[in-house]
Amino acid sequence: MLFDEVTDLIDDHSRDELESQLTELRDEQEELAAGYDVESLDEFREQLAEENFSAAELRERRNVIATWEAINTELGLVKHALQLYDDVVELSSPRTDSHSTLA
């Protein structure tokens, strides 16, 4: 399933588009971190146990965790797509070398 998602990203987007998407996802991560004055999702989660939040605040923070996890997942997929981009494009292109034709 992961490979299918990565190849779909490669099929549907150019390298430049994937690089732009990577930047946007990093921006979203940084905005979440800055908005809650933390460095990472793990640090954000640690605050749940350390602080005394109301039920409404806990619901909000659980929503933030879900959003952050979704961003992390998408970020991982985009990174993999960029790492494999050239290989997948090359493998999915029709071969035109002399070995693929009959003499």
C-alpha atoms as a PDB file:
ATOM      1  CA  MET A   1       0.000   0.000   0.000  1.00  0.00           C
ATOM      2  CA  LEU A   2       2.796   2.426   0.868  1.00  0.00           C
ATOM      3  CA  PHE A   3       4.506   1.788  -2.455  1.00  0.00           C
ATOM      4  CA  ASP A   4       1.223   2.376  -4.308  1.00  0.00           C
ATOM      5  CA  GLU A   5       0.760   5.715  -2.562  1.00  0.00           C
ATOM      6  CA  VAL A   6       4.326   6.744  -3.373  1.00  0.00           C
ATOM      7  CA  THR A   7       4.029   5.748  -7.032  1.00  0.00           C
ATOM      8  CA  ASP A   8       0.687   7.564  -7.260  1.00  0.00           C
ATOM      9  CA  LEU A   9       2.383  10.722  -5.994  1.00  0.00           C
ATOM     10  CA  ILE A  10       5.120  10.300  -8.597  1.00  0.00           C
ATOM     11  CA  ASP A  11       2.602   9.647 -11.378  1.00  0.00           C
ATOM     12  CA  ASP A  12       0.424  12.609 -10.415  1.00  0.00           C
ATOM     13  CA  HIS A  13       3.088  15.231  -9.638  1.00  0.00           C
ATOM     14  CA  SER A  14       6.295  16.574 -11.095  1.00  0.00           C
ATOM     15  CA  ARG A  15       9.464  16.666  -9.006  1.00  0.00           C
ATOM     16  CA  ASP A  16       8.984  20.434  -8.571  1.00  0.00           C
ATOM     17  CA  GLU A  17       5.430  19.930  -7.316  1.00  0.00           C
ATOM     18  CA  LEU A  18       6.596  17.327  -4.814  1.00  0.00           C
ATOM     19  CA  GLU A  19       9.363  19.626  -3.599  1.00  0.00           C
ATOM     20  CA  SER A  20       6.809  22.416  -3.149  1.00  0.00           C
ATOM     21  CA  GLN A  21       4.520  20.054  -1.273  1.00  0.00           C
ATOM     22  CA  LEU A  22       7.428  19.057   0.977  1.00  0.00           C
ATOM     23  CA  THR A  23       8.037  22.720   1.781  1.00  0.00           C
ATOM     24  CA  GLU A  24       4.350  23.325   2.528  1.00  0.00           C
ATOM     25  CA  LEU A  25       4.184  20.318   4.843  1.00  0.00           C
ATOM     26  CA  ARG A  26       7.316  21.441   6.699  1.00  0.00           C
ATOM     27  CA  ASP A  27       5.755  24.898   7.062  1.00  0.00           C
ATOM     28  CA  GLU A  28       2.623  23.323   8.558  1.00  0.00           C
ATOM     29  CA  GLN A  29       4.742  21.317  11.013  1.00  0.00           C
ATOM     30  CA  GLU A  30       6.676  24.407  12.043  1.00  0.00           C
ATOM     31  CA  GLU A  31       3.458  26.418  12.489  1.00  0.00           C
ATOM     32  CA  LEU A  32       2.014  23.749  14.783  1.00  0.00           C
ATOM     33  CA  ALA A  33       5.225  23.589  16.805  1.00  0.00           C
ATOM     34  CA  ALA A  34       5.453  27.372  17.109  1.00  0.00           C
ATOM     35  CA  GLY A  35       1.752  27.696  17.935  1.00  0.00           C
ATOM     36  CA  TYR A  36       2.161  25.444  20.955  1.00  0.00           C
ATOM     37  CA  ASP A  37       5.759  26.397  21.788  1.00  0.00           C
ATOM     38  CA  VAL A  38       7.150  22.884  21.303  1.00  0.00           C
ATOM     39  CA  GLU A  39       9.859  21.365  19.130  1.00  0.00           C
ATOM     40  CA  SER A  40       8.118  18.129  18.176  1.00  0.00           C
ATOM     41  CA  LEU A  41       4.953  16.076  18.292  1.00  0.00           C
ATOM     42  CA  ASP A  42       6.478  13.985  21.083  1.00  0.00           C
ATOM     43  CA  GLU A  43       7.053  17.086  23.193  1.00  0.00           C
ATOM     44  CA  PHE A  44       3.487  18.208  22.466  1.00  0.00           C
ATOM     45  CA  ARG A  45       2.195  14.815  23.653  1.00  0.00           C
ATOM     46  CA  GLU A  46       4.274  15.007  26.822  1.00  0.00           C
ATOM     47  CA  GLN A  47       2.442  18.210  27.736  1.00  0.00           C
ATOM     48  CA  LEU A  48      -0.827  16.260  27.928  1.00  0.00           C
ATOM     49  CA  ALA A  49       0.453  14.327  30.926  1.00  0.00           C
ATOM     50  CA  GLU A  50       2.257  17.245  32.536  1.00  0.00           C
ATOM     51  CA  GLU A  51      -0.421  19.937  32.293  1.00  0.00           C
ATOM     52  CA  ASN A  52      -3.909  20.137  33.771  1.00  0.00           C
ATOM     53  CA  PHE A  53      -6.099  20.785  30.722  1.00  0.00           C
ATOM     54  CA  SER A  54      -9.871  21.084  30.615  1.00  0.00           C
ATOM     55  CA  ALA A  55     -11.871  18.572  28.585  1.00  0.00           C
ATOM     56  CA  ALA A  56     -12.260  21.121  25.779  1.00  0.00           C
ATOM     57  CA  GLU A  57      -8.513  21.788  25.728  1.00  0.00           C
ATOM     58  CA  LEU A  58      -7.807  18.056  25.642  1.00  0.00           C
ATOM     59  CA  ARG A  59     -10.183  17.588  22.690  1.00  0.00           C
ATOM     60  CA  GLU A  60      -8.476  20.449  20.862  1.00  0.00           C
ATOM     61  CA  ARG A  61      -5.052  18.978  21.542  1.00  0.00           C
ATOM     62  CA  ARG A  62      -6.146  15.529  20.373  1.00  0.00           C
ATOM     63  CA  ASN A  63      -7.303  17.138  17.132  1.00  0.00           C
ATOM     64  CA  VAL A  64      -3.919  18.829  16.817  1.00  0.00           C
ATOM     65  CA  ILE A  65      -2.209  15.471  17.371  1.00  0.00           C
ATOM     66  CA  ALA A  66      -4.320  13.886  14.614  1.00  0.00           C
ATOM     67  CA  THR A  67      -3.487  16.766  12.272  1.00  0.00           C
ATOM     68  CA  TRP A  68       0.213  16.581  13.120  1.00  0.00           C
ATOM     69  CA  GLU A  69       0.249  12.806  12.551  1.00  0.00           C
ATOM     70  CA  ALA A  70      -1.452  13.242   9.171  1.00  0.00           C
ATOM     71  CA  ILE A  71       1.143  15.842   8.193  1.00  0.00           C
ATOM     72  CA  ASN A  72       3.943  13.498   9.297  1.00  0.00           C
ATOM     73  CA  THR A  73       2.480  10.653   7.247  1.00  0.00           C
ATOM     74  CA  GLU A  74       2.119  12.816   4.149  1.00  0.00           C
ATOM     75  CA  LEU A  75       5.610  14.203   4.680  1.00  0.00           C
ATOM     76  CA  GLY A  76       7.027  10.683   4.771  1.00  0.00           C
ATOM     77  CA  LEU A  77       5.221   9.746   1.568  1.00  0.00           C
ATOM     78  CA  VAL A  78       6.446  12.849  -0.244  1.00  0.00           C
ATOM     79  CA  LYS A  79      10.021  12.238   0.936  1.00  0.00           C
ATOM     80  CA  HIS A  80       9.887   8.651  -0.324  1.00  0.00           C
ATOM     81  CA  ALA A  81       8.428   9.828  -3.623  1.00  0.00           C
ATOM     82  CA  LEU A  82      11.281  12.288  -4.070  1.00  0.00           C
ATOM     83  CA  GLN A  83      13.873   9.642  -3.188  1.00  0.00           C
ATOM     84  CA  LEU A  84      12.434   7.192  -5.718  1.00  0.00           C
ATOM     85  CA  TYR A  85      11.297   9.710  -8.327  1.00  0.00           C
ATOM     86  CA  ASP A  86      14.002   9.199 -10.955  1.00  0.00           C
ATOM     87  CA  ASP A  87      13.962   5.404 -10.653  1.00  0.00           C
ATOM     88  CA  VAL A  88      10.179   5.125 -10.930  1.00  0.00           C
ATOM     89  CA  VAL A  89      10.006   7.530 -13.876  1.00  0.00           C
ATOM     90  CA  GLU A  90      12.790   5.633 -15.636  1.00  0.00           C
ATOM     91  CA  LEU A  91      11.174   2.249 -15.015  1.00  0.00           C
ATOM     92  CA  SER A  92       7.761   3.414 -16.171  1.00  0.00           C
ATOM     93  CA  SER A  93       9.095   4.992 -19.380  1.00  0.00           C
ATOM     94  CA  PRO A  94       9.051   2.843 -22.513  1.00  0.00           C
ATOM     95  CA  ARG A  95      12.467   1.388 -23.312  1.00  0.00           C
ATOM     96  CA  THR A  96      14.016   2.612 -26.537  1.00  0.00           C
ATOM     97  CA  ASP A  97      17.472   1.045 -26.378  1.00  0.00           C
ATOM     98  CA  SER A  98      18.732  -1.458 -28.943  1.00  0.00           C
ATOM     99  CA  HIS A  99      18.252  -4.423 -26.578  1.00  0.00           C
ATOM    100  CA  SER A 100      14.497  -4.034 -26.646  1.00  0.00           C
ATOM    101  CA  THR A 101      14.133  -4.291 -30.425  1.00  0.00           C
ATOM    102  CA  LEU A 102      14.434  -7.380 -32.556  1.00  0.00           C
ATOM    103  CA  ALA A 103      17.066  -7.388 -35.303  1.00  0.00           C
END
